[in-house]
């Protein structure tokens, strides 16, 4: 997909923050229109872009892409109950797309403990482990269940453990 450029602009916009001043609202609308025009030029398809302090949403004929980052990031209400999220972890980012979702978590728990917890909880929730790699400082886990897959990447960053979960429908 040619949306990588657009997602980068959206991430940059969210990172810089969207305040409620009139100047910022005008700037948001200009960025939205620029992204819409770029998508149409690159793909020949129309897109509707909405940027707010709650996140970024792109809607095309193929579906919608929603993203929240920072303090606004919350677990999706329709997150399947069998996808485990660490209860005390801070959610840094959530992306939802027609094919699935991606969630980035941060915790103070040790990497090894988080990996062990994910292995146990995903098995308990009926997921079949298809890959497990411990690369010393980073763990990669993959799971399959019916027509869905989940990848869990666990790494350390600045004394925090970062967990990136990607769940996809086949």
N, C-alpha and C. Protein backbone atom coordinates (compact mmCIF):
# COMPACT_ATOMS: atom_id res chain seq x y z
N UNK A 1 0.83 -1.19 0.00
CA UNK A 1 0.00 0.00 0.00
C UNK A 1 0.87 1.24 0.00
N UNK A 2 0.31 2.28 -0.57
CA UNK A 2 1.04 3.54 -0.64
C UNK A 2 0.67 4.45 0.52
N UNK A 3 0.14 3.88 1.59
CA UNK A 3 -0.32 4.70 2.71
C UNK A 3 0.77 4.96 3.75
N UNK A 4 1.95 4.40 3.60
CA UNK A 4 3.02 4.56 4.58
C UNK A 4 3.34 6.04 4.77
N UNK A 5 3.46 6.78 3.68
CA UNK A 5 3.74 8.22 3.74
C UNK A 5 2.66 8.93 4.53
N UNK A 6 1.42 8.56 4.27
CA UNK A 6 0.29 9.21 4.93
C UNK A 6 0.29 8.89 6.42
N UNK A 7 0.56 7.63 6.76
CA UNK A 7 0.61 7.24 8.17
C UNK A 7 1.73 7.99 8.88
N UNK A 8 2.88 8.18 8.20
CA UNK A 8 3.98 8.94 8.78
C UNK A 8 3.53 10.37 9.10
N UNK A 9 2.83 11.01 8.17
CA UNK A 9 2.34 12.37 8.41
C UNK A 9 1.39 12.38 9.60
N UNK A 10 0.51 11.39 9.67
CA UNK A 10 -0.43 11.31 10.78
C UNK A 10 0.29 11.14 12.11
N UNK A 11 1.28 10.24 12.14
CA UNK A 11 2.05 10.03 13.37
C UNK A 11 2.76 11.32 13.78
N UNK A 12 3.34 12.02 12.82
CA UNK A 12 4.01 13.28 13.10
C UNK A 12 3.03 14.30 13.67
N UNK A 13 1.86 14.37 13.08
CA UNK A 13 0.84 15.30 13.55
C UNK A 13 0.41 14.98 14.97
N UNK A 14 0.20 13.68 15.26
CA UNK A 14 -0.21 13.28 16.60
C UNK A 14 0.91 13.53 17.61
N UNK A 15 2.15 13.28 17.19
CA UNK A 15 3.29 13.48 18.08
C UNK A 15 3.43 14.94 18.45
N UNK A 16 3.25 15.81 17.48
CA UNK A 16 3.37 17.24 17.75
C UNK A 16 2.20 17.76 18.59
N UNK A 17 1.12 17.03 18.58
CA UNK A 17 -0.04 17.41 19.39
C UNK A 17 -0.99 18.29 18.63
N UNK A 18 -2.23 18.18 18.99
CA UNK A 18 -3.28 18.95 18.34
C UNK A 18 -4.02 19.73 19.42
N UNK A 19 -3.73 21.00 19.55
CA UNK A 19 -4.42 21.79 20.57
C UNK A 19 -5.73 22.30 20.00
N UNK A 20 -6.50 22.98 20.80
CA UNK A 20 -7.82 23.42 20.41
C UNK A 20 -7.86 24.85 19.89
N UNK A 21 -6.72 25.52 19.71
CA UNK A 21 -6.76 26.90 19.24
C UNK A 21 -7.23 26.94 17.79
N UNK A 22 -7.76 28.08 17.39
CA UNK A 22 -8.27 28.26 16.03
C UNK A 22 -7.17 28.05 15.00
N UNK A 23 -5.99 28.55 15.26
CA UNK A 23 -4.87 28.39 14.33
C UNK A 23 -4.55 26.91 14.15
N UNK A 24 -4.55 26.16 15.24
CA UNK A 24 -4.27 24.73 15.16
C UNK A 24 -5.37 23.99 14.41
N UNK A 25 -6.61 24.38 14.62
CA UNK A 25 -7.73 23.74 13.92
C UNK A 25 -7.62 23.97 12.42
N UNK A 26 -7.24 25.17 12.03
CA UNK A 26 -7.05 25.47 10.61
C UNK A 26 -5.90 24.64 10.07
N UNK A 27 -4.82 24.56 10.83
CA UNK A 27 -3.67 23.75 10.41
C UNK A 27 -4.07 22.28 10.25
N UNK A 28 -4.89 21.76 11.17
CA UNK A 28 -5.37 20.37 11.06
C UNK A 28 -6.11 20.17 9.76
N UNK A 29 -6.98 21.09 9.42
CA UNK A 29 -7.78 20.97 8.19
C UNK A 29 -6.89 21.02 6.95
N UNK A 30 -5.86 21.86 6.97
CA UNK A 30 -4.93 21.94 5.85
C UNK A 30 -4.19 20.61 5.71
N UNK A 31 -3.72 20.05 6.82
CA UNK A 31 -3.02 18.76 6.78
C UNK A 31 -3.97 17.67 6.28
N UNK A 32 -5.21 17.66 6.79
CA UNK A 32 -6.19 16.67 6.34
C UNK A 32 -6.37 16.74 4.83
N UNK A 33 -6.57 17.95 4.29
CA UNK A 33 -6.79 18.13 2.85
C UNK A 33 -5.55 17.72 2.05
N UNK A 34 -4.36 18.02 2.57
CA UNK A 34 -3.12 17.64 1.89
C UNK A 34 -2.99 16.13 1.82
N UNK A 35 -3.29 15.44 2.90
CA UNK A 35 -3.22 13.98 2.91
C UNK A 35 -4.26 13.40 1.95
N UNK A 36 -5.49 13.92 1.98
CA UNK A 36 -6.54 13.44 1.08
C UNK A 36 -6.12 13.59 -0.38
N UNK A 37 -5.57 14.74 -0.71
CA UNK A 37 -5.11 15.00 -2.08
C UNK A 37 -3.98 14.06 -2.47
N UNK A 38 -3.04 13.83 -1.56
CA UNK A 38 -1.92 12.94 -1.83
C UNK A 38 -2.41 11.51 -2.07
N UNK A 39 -3.33 11.05 -1.26
CA UNK A 39 -3.87 9.70 -1.45
C UNK A 39 -4.55 9.58 -2.80
N UNK A 40 -5.36 10.56 -3.14
CA UNK A 40 -6.06 10.51 -4.42
C UNK A 40 -5.08 10.51 -5.59
N UNK A 41 -4.03 11.33 -5.47
CA UNK A 41 -3.02 11.40 -6.52
C UNK A 41 -2.26 10.08 -6.65
N UNK A 42 -1.88 9.49 -5.51
CA UNK A 42 -1.07 8.27 -5.50
C UNK A 42 -1.85 7.00 -5.85
N UNK A 43 -3.11 6.96 -5.44
CA UNK A 43 -3.88 5.72 -5.60
C UNK A 43 -5.05 5.84 -6.57
N UNK A 44 -5.44 7.07 -6.88
CA UNK A 44 -6.61 7.27 -7.73
C UNK A 44 -7.91 7.08 -6.97
N UNK A 45 -7.82 6.92 -5.66
CA UNK A 45 -9.01 6.69 -4.83
C UNK A 45 -9.20 7.83 -3.84
N UNK A 46 -10.42 8.10 -3.51
CA UNK A 46 -10.74 9.16 -2.55
C UNK A 46 -10.55 8.65 -1.12
N UNK A 47 -10.22 9.57 -0.23
CA UNK A 47 -10.06 9.25 1.19
C UNK A 47 -10.59 10.42 2.00
N UNK A 48 -11.12 10.10 3.16
CA UNK A 48 -11.56 11.12 4.11
C UNK A 48 -10.64 11.04 5.31
N UNK A 49 -9.98 12.13 5.63
CA UNK A 49 -9.03 12.17 6.74
C UNK A 49 -9.58 13.07 7.84
N UNK A 50 -9.51 12.60 9.06
CA UNK A 50 -9.90 13.40 10.22
C UNK A 50 -8.81 13.30 11.28
N UNK A 51 -8.25 14.45 11.63
CA UNK A 51 -7.22 14.52 12.66
C UNK A 51 -7.80 15.32 13.82
N UNK A 52 -7.65 14.79 15.01
CA UNK A 52 -8.13 15.51 16.20
C UNK A 52 -7.22 15.19 17.37
N UNK A 53 -7.50 15.79 18.50
CA UNK A 53 -6.70 15.48 19.69
C UNK A 53 -6.98 14.05 20.17
N UNK A 54 -7.99 13.40 19.62
CA UNK A 54 -8.29 12.01 19.96
C UNK A 54 -7.54 11.02 19.09
N UNK A 55 -7.01 11.50 17.94
CA UNK A 55 -6.27 10.59 17.07
C UNK A 55 -6.40 10.95 15.62
N UNK A 56 -6.24 9.94 14.79
CA UNK A 56 -6.22 10.08 13.34
C UNK A 56 -7.14 9.01 12.76
N UNK A 57 -7.98 9.39 11.78
CA UNK A 57 -8.85 8.42 11.13
C UNK A 57 -8.80 8.67 9.63
N UNK A 58 -8.57 7.60 8.88
CA UNK A 58 -8.59 7.64 7.43
C UNK A 58 -9.63 6.65 6.95
N UNK A 59 -10.57 7.11 6.12
CA UNK A 59 -11.59 6.24 5.58
C UNK A 59 -11.49 6.25 4.06
N UNK A 60 -11.41 5.06 3.49
CA UNK A 60 -11.40 4.90 2.03
C UNK A 60 -12.45 3.86 1.67
N UNK A 61 -12.59 3.58 0.38
CA UNK A 61 -13.52 2.54 -0.07
C UNK A 61 -13.12 1.17 0.48
N UNK A 62 -11.84 1.00 0.83
CA UNK A 62 -11.34 -0.27 1.35
C UNK A 62 -11.60 -0.46 2.83
N UNK A 63 -12.01 0.60 3.52
CA UNK A 63 -12.26 0.52 4.96
C UNK A 63 -11.66 1.70 5.67
N UNK A 64 -11.58 1.59 6.99
CA UNK A 64 -11.03 2.71 7.76
C UNK A 64 -9.80 2.29 8.54
N UNK A 65 -8.96 3.27 8.80
CA UNK A 65 -7.73 3.12 9.55
C UNK A 65 -7.82 4.14 10.68
N UNK A 66 -7.83 3.68 11.93
CA UNK A 66 -7.91 4.56 13.08
C UNK A 66 -6.64 4.42 13.91
N UNK A 67 -6.18 5.54 14.44
CA UNK A 67 -5.00 5.48 15.29
C UNK A 67 -5.13 6.47 16.44
N UNK A 68 -4.78 6.03 17.63
CA UNK A 68 -4.65 6.90 18.79
C UNK A 68 -3.27 6.67 19.36
N UNK A 69 -2.68 7.74 19.87
CA UNK A 69 -1.35 7.63 20.46
C UNK A 69 -1.27 8.49 21.70
N UNK A 70 -0.30 8.17 22.56
CA UNK A 70 -0.09 8.95 23.77
C UNK A 70 -1.19 8.73 24.79
N UNK A 71 -1.53 9.79 25.50
CA UNK A 71 -2.52 9.69 26.58
C UNK A 71 -3.91 9.33 26.07
N UNK A 72 -4.18 9.53 24.78
CA UNK A 72 -5.50 9.22 24.22
C UNK A 72 -5.65 7.76 23.83
N UNK A 73 -4.57 7.01 23.82
CA UNK A 73 -4.62 5.62 23.39
C UNK A 73 -5.31 4.75 24.44
N UNK A 74 -6.32 4.03 23.99
CA UNK A 74 -7.08 3.14 24.87
C UNK A 74 -7.35 1.85 24.11
N UNK A 75 -7.50 0.76 24.84
CA UNK A 75 -7.80 -0.52 24.22
C UNK A 75 -9.13 -0.40 23.47
N UNK A 76 -9.18 -0.94 22.25
CA UNK A 76 -10.44 -0.87 21.49
C UNK A 76 -11.56 -1.60 22.23
N UNK A 77 -12.77 -1.05 22.15
CA UNK A 77 -13.92 -1.69 22.81
C UNK A 77 -14.20 -3.07 22.22
N UNK A 78 -13.89 -3.23 20.93
CA UNK A 78 -14.17 -4.51 20.27
C UNK A 78 -12.94 -5.43 20.22
N UNK A 79 -11.95 -5.16 21.07
CA UNK A 79 -10.78 -6.04 21.15
C UNK A 79 -11.23 -7.44 21.54
N UNK A 80 -10.88 -8.43 20.73
CA UNK A 80 -11.28 -9.80 21.09
C UNK A 80 -10.79 -10.16 22.50
N UNK A 81 -11.65 -10.78 23.27
CA UNK A 81 -11.34 -11.12 24.66
C UNK A 81 -10.19 -12.11 24.78
N UNK A 82 -9.90 -12.85 23.70
CA UNK A 82 -8.84 -13.85 23.77
C UNK A 82 -7.46 -13.29 23.44
N UNK A 83 -7.37 -11.99 23.15
CA UNK A 83 -6.06 -11.36 22.95
C UNK A 83 -5.67 -10.70 24.26
N UNK A 84 -4.62 -11.21 24.86
CA UNK A 84 -4.20 -10.79 26.19
C UNK A 84 -3.47 -9.45 26.15
N UNK A 85 -3.87 -8.56 27.06
CA UNK A 85 -3.16 -7.30 27.31
C UNK A 85 -2.73 -7.30 28.77
N UNK A 86 -1.48 -6.94 29.02
CA UNK A 86 -1.00 -6.84 30.40
C UNK A 86 -1.89 -5.85 31.16
N UNK A 87 -2.46 -6.24 32.29
CA UNK A 87 -3.42 -5.39 32.99
C UNK A 87 -2.88 -4.04 33.47
N UNK A 88 -1.63 -3.98 33.89
CA UNK A 88 -1.10 -2.73 34.44
C UNK A 88 -0.22 -1.97 33.44
N UNK A 89 -0.17 -2.44 32.21
CA UNK A 89 0.67 -1.78 31.20
C UNK A 89 0.00 -0.51 30.70
N UNK A 90 0.83 0.45 30.33
CA UNK A 90 0.34 1.69 29.72
C UNK A 90 0.22 1.46 28.22
N UNK A 91 -0.91 1.83 27.66
CA UNK A 91 -1.10 1.71 26.21
C UNK A 91 -0.56 2.98 25.57
N UNK A 92 0.45 2.83 24.71
CA UNK A 92 1.06 3.98 24.04
C UNK A 92 0.45 4.28 22.68
N UNK A 93 -0.03 3.24 21.99
CA UNK A 93 -0.54 3.44 20.65
C UNK A 93 -1.49 2.31 20.28
N UNK A 94 -2.55 2.67 19.56
CA UNK A 94 -3.50 1.69 19.03
C UNK A 94 -3.78 2.06 17.59
N UNK A 95 -3.64 1.08 16.69
CA UNK A 95 -4.03 1.26 15.29
C UNK A 95 -5.04 0.18 14.94
N UNK A 96 -6.14 0.59 14.34
CA UNK A 96 -7.14 -0.37 13.87
C UNK A 96 -7.30 -0.20 12.37
N UNK A 97 -7.30 -1.32 11.65
CA UNK A 97 -7.44 -1.34 10.21
C UNK A 97 -8.42 -2.44 9.85
N UNK A 98 -8.88 -2.47 8.61
CA UNK A 98 -9.83 -3.53 8.23
C UNK A 98 -9.28 -4.94 8.47
N UNK A 99 -7.96 -5.14 8.29
CA UNK A 99 -7.37 -6.46 8.43
C UNK A 99 -7.05 -6.85 9.86
N UNK A 100 -7.07 -5.91 10.79
CA UNK A 100 -6.71 -6.23 12.16
C UNK A 100 -6.34 -5.01 12.97
N UNK A 101 -5.43 -5.21 13.92
CA UNK A 101 -5.05 -4.11 14.80
C UNK A 101 -3.64 -4.28 15.31
N UNK A 102 -3.10 -3.17 15.82
CA UNK A 102 -1.78 -3.17 16.42
C UNK A 102 -1.84 -2.33 17.68
N UNK A 103 -1.25 -2.84 18.75
CA UNK A 103 -1.26 -2.16 20.04
C UNK A 103 0.16 -2.16 20.58
N UNK A 104 0.60 -1.01 21.08
CA UNK A 104 1.91 -0.91 21.71
C UNK A 104 1.72 -0.59 23.19
N UNK A 105 2.33 -1.42 24.04
CA UNK A 105 2.22 -1.29 25.49
C UNK A 105 3.59 -0.99 26.09
N UNK A 106 3.58 -0.45 27.29
CA UNK A 106 4.81 -0.19 28.05
C UNK A 106 4.58 -0.62 29.49
N UNK A 107 5.57 -1.32 30.04
CA UNK A 107 5.44 -1.78 31.42
C UNK A 107 6.81 -1.73 32.12
N UNK A 108 6.77 -1.75 33.45
CA UNK A 108 8.00 -1.82 34.24
C UNK A 108 8.42 -3.27 34.51
N UNK A 109 7.57 -4.23 34.14
CA UNK A 109 7.88 -5.64 34.37
C UNK A 109 9.06 -6.07 33.50
N UNK A 110 9.82 -7.03 34.00
CA UNK A 110 10.99 -7.55 33.27
C UNK A 110 10.56 -8.27 31.99
N UNK A 111 11.38 -8.15 30.97
CA UNK A 111 11.11 -8.78 29.67
C UNK A 111 10.80 -10.26 29.83
N UNK A 112 11.63 -10.97 30.58
CA UNK A 112 11.44 -12.43 30.73
C UNK A 112 10.09 -12.76 31.38
N UNK A 113 9.69 -11.96 32.36
CA UNK A 113 8.40 -12.19 33.02
C UNK A 113 7.25 -11.92 32.05
N UNK A 114 7.37 -10.85 31.27
CA UNK A 114 6.32 -10.52 30.29
C UNK A 114 6.21 -11.64 29.25
N UNK A 115 7.33 -12.14 28.75
CA UNK A 115 7.31 -13.22 27.76
C UNK A 115 6.66 -14.47 28.34
N UNK A 116 7.03 -14.83 29.56
CA UNK A 116 6.44 -16.01 30.21
C UNK A 116 4.94 -15.82 30.40
N UNK A 117 4.54 -14.63 30.80
CA UNK A 117 3.11 -14.33 31.00
C UNK A 117 2.35 -14.46 29.69
N UNK A 118 2.89 -13.89 28.61
CA UNK A 118 2.21 -13.97 27.31
C UNK A 118 2.08 -15.40 26.84
N UNK A 119 3.13 -16.20 27.00
CA UNK A 119 3.07 -17.60 26.58
C UNK A 119 1.94 -18.33 27.33
N UNK A 120 1.86 -18.11 28.62
CA UNK A 120 0.84 -18.79 29.44
C UNK A 120 -0.57 -18.28 29.11
N UNK A 121 -0.73 -16.97 29.02
CA UNK A 121 -2.06 -16.40 28.81
C UNK A 121 -2.61 -16.70 27.41
N UNK A 122 -1.76 -16.63 26.40
CA UNK A 122 -2.24 -16.91 25.05
C UNK A 122 -2.64 -18.39 24.93
N UNK A 123 -1.86 -19.29 25.53
CA UNK A 123 -2.22 -20.71 25.53
C UNK A 123 -3.53 -20.92 26.27
N UNK A 124 -3.66 -20.28 27.42
CA UNK A 124 -4.89 -20.37 28.22
C UNK A 124 -6.11 -19.89 27.41
N UNK A 125 -5.90 -18.90 26.53
CA UNK A 125 -6.99 -18.35 25.73
C UNK A 125 -7.22 -19.11 24.43
N UNK A 126 -6.55 -20.27 24.28
CA UNK A 126 -6.81 -21.14 23.14
C UNK A 126 -5.96 -20.89 21.91
N UNK A 127 -4.92 -20.09 22.01
CA UNK A 127 -4.05 -19.81 20.88
C UNK A 127 -2.97 -20.88 20.77
N UNK A 128 -2.65 -21.28 19.54
CA UNK A 128 -1.57 -22.24 19.30
C UNK A 128 -0.30 -21.45 18.96
N UNK A 129 0.75 -21.69 19.73
CA UNK A 129 2.02 -21.01 19.47
C UNK A 129 2.65 -21.59 18.20
N UNK A 130 2.99 -20.71 17.25
CA UNK A 130 3.61 -21.15 16.00
C UNK A 130 5.08 -20.72 15.91
N UNK A 131 5.50 -19.80 16.79
CA UNK A 131 6.90 -19.37 16.80
C UNK A 131 7.22 -18.77 18.17
N UNK A 132 8.43 -19.04 18.62
CA UNK A 132 8.94 -18.44 19.84
C UNK A 132 10.44 -18.27 19.69
N UNK A 133 10.87 -17.00 19.70
CA UNK A 133 12.31 -16.72 19.55
C UNK A 133 12.75 -15.80 20.68
N UNK A 134 13.79 -16.21 21.38
CA UNK A 134 14.41 -15.38 22.41
C UNK A 134 15.76 -14.95 21.86
N UNK A 135 15.87 -13.68 21.55
CA UNK A 135 17.09 -13.17 20.93
C UNK A 135 17.90 -12.33 21.91
N UNK A 136 17.74 -12.60 23.20
CA UNK A 136 18.50 -11.88 24.21
C UNK A 136 18.23 -10.39 24.15
N UNK A 137 17.24 -9.95 24.84
CA UNK A 137 16.87 -8.53 24.81
C UNK A 137 15.64 -8.28 23.95
N UNK A 138 15.20 -9.30 23.23
CA UNK A 138 13.98 -9.20 22.43
C UNK A 138 13.40 -10.59 22.25
N UNK A 139 12.10 -10.71 22.44
CA UNK A 139 11.40 -11.96 22.23
C UNK A 139 10.34 -11.75 21.16
N UNK A 140 10.20 -12.75 20.30
CA UNK A 140 9.15 -12.72 19.28
C UNK A 140 8.30 -13.97 19.45
N UNK A 141 7.00 -13.77 19.55
CA UNK A 141 6.06 -14.87 19.72
C UNK A 141 5.00 -14.75 18.63
N UNK A 142 4.56 -15.89 18.10
CA UNK A 142 3.50 -15.88 17.09
C UNK A 142 2.48 -16.95 17.46
N UNK A 143 1.22 -16.63 17.19
CA UNK A 143 0.11 -17.50 17.55
C UNK A 143 -0.90 -17.57 16.42
N UNK A 144 -1.63 -18.69 16.38
CA UNK A 144 -2.67 -18.88 15.38
C UNK A 144 -3.90 -19.45 16.07
N UNK A 145 -5.07 -18.99 15.60
CA UNK A 145 -6.34 -19.51 16.11
C UNK A 145 -7.38 -19.29 15.02
N UNK A 146 -7.91 -20.37 14.49
CA UNK A 146 -8.88 -20.33 13.39
C UNK A 146 -8.32 -19.47 12.26
N UNK A 147 -9.00 -18.41 11.88
CA UNK A 147 -8.55 -17.58 10.75
C UNK A 147 -7.83 -16.31 11.21
N UNK A 148 -7.25 -16.35 12.42
CA UNK A 148 -6.56 -15.17 12.95
C UNK A 148 -5.14 -15.53 13.37
N UNK A 149 -4.28 -14.51 13.34
CA UNK A 149 -2.91 -14.66 13.83
C UNK A 149 -2.60 -13.49 14.75
N UNK A 150 -1.70 -13.74 15.69
CA UNK A 150 -1.22 -12.69 16.60
C UNK A 150 0.29 -12.82 16.70
N UNK A 151 0.98 -11.69 16.55
CA UNK A 151 2.41 -11.64 16.79
C UNK A 151 2.64 -10.71 17.97
N UNK A 152 3.52 -11.14 18.87
CA UNK A 152 3.86 -10.36 20.05
C UNK A 152 5.38 -10.17 20.04
N UNK A 153 5.81 -8.92 20.00
CA UNK A 153 7.24 -8.60 20.05
C UNK A 153 7.49 -7.87 21.36
N UNK A 154 8.41 -8.39 22.14
CA UNK A 154 8.70 -7.85 23.48
C UNK A 154 10.16 -7.43 23.49
N UNK A 155 10.41 -6.18 23.86
CA UNK A 155 11.79 -5.67 23.88
C UNK A 155 11.94 -4.67 25.02
N UNK A 156 13.17 -4.33 25.33
CA UNK A 156 13.42 -3.32 26.36
C UNK A 156 13.86 -2.02 25.70
N UNK A 157 13.48 -0.91 26.34
CA UNK A 157 13.83 0.41 25.86
C UNK A 157 13.84 1.36 27.05
N UNK A 158 15.00 1.92 27.35
CA UNK A 158 15.13 2.86 28.48
C UNK A 158 14.54 2.31 29.78
N UNK A 159 14.93 1.12 30.13
CA UNK A 159 14.53 0.46 31.38
C UNK A 159 13.04 0.11 31.43
N UNK A 160 12.35 0.22 30.31
CA UNK A 160 10.94 -0.17 30.20
C UNK A 160 10.87 -1.38 29.29
N UNK A 161 9.83 -2.17 29.46
CA UNK A 161 9.58 -3.27 28.55
C UNK A 161 8.45 -2.84 27.62
N UNK A 162 8.71 -2.93 26.33
CA UNK A 162 7.76 -2.55 25.31
C UNK A 162 7.17 -3.81 24.69
N UNK A 163 5.85 -3.86 24.57
CA UNK A 163 5.16 -5.00 23.99
C UNK A 163 4.37 -4.50 22.79
N UNK A 164 4.68 -5.03 21.61
CA UNK A 164 3.94 -4.69 20.40
C UNK A 164 3.15 -5.90 19.96
N UNK A 165 1.84 -5.73 19.89
CA UNK A 165 0.93 -6.82 19.54
C UNK A 165 0.28 -6.48 18.20
N UNK A 166 0.35 -7.42 17.28
CA UNK A 166 -0.31 -7.25 15.98
C UNK A 166 -1.23 -8.45 15.79
N UNK A 167 -2.51 -8.18 15.61
CA UNK A 167 -3.51 -9.22 15.40
C UNK A 167 -4.12 -9.02 14.02
N UNK A 168 -4.14 -10.08 13.23
CA UNK A 168 -4.64 -9.99 11.86
C UNK A 168 -5.66 -11.09 11.57
N UNK A 169 -6.60 -10.76 10.70
CA UNK A 169 -7.55 -11.75 10.18
C UNK A 169 -7.02 -12.23 8.84
N UNK A 170 -7.18 -13.51 8.56
CA UNK A 170 -6.72 -14.03 7.25
C UNK A 170 -7.78 -13.81 6.21
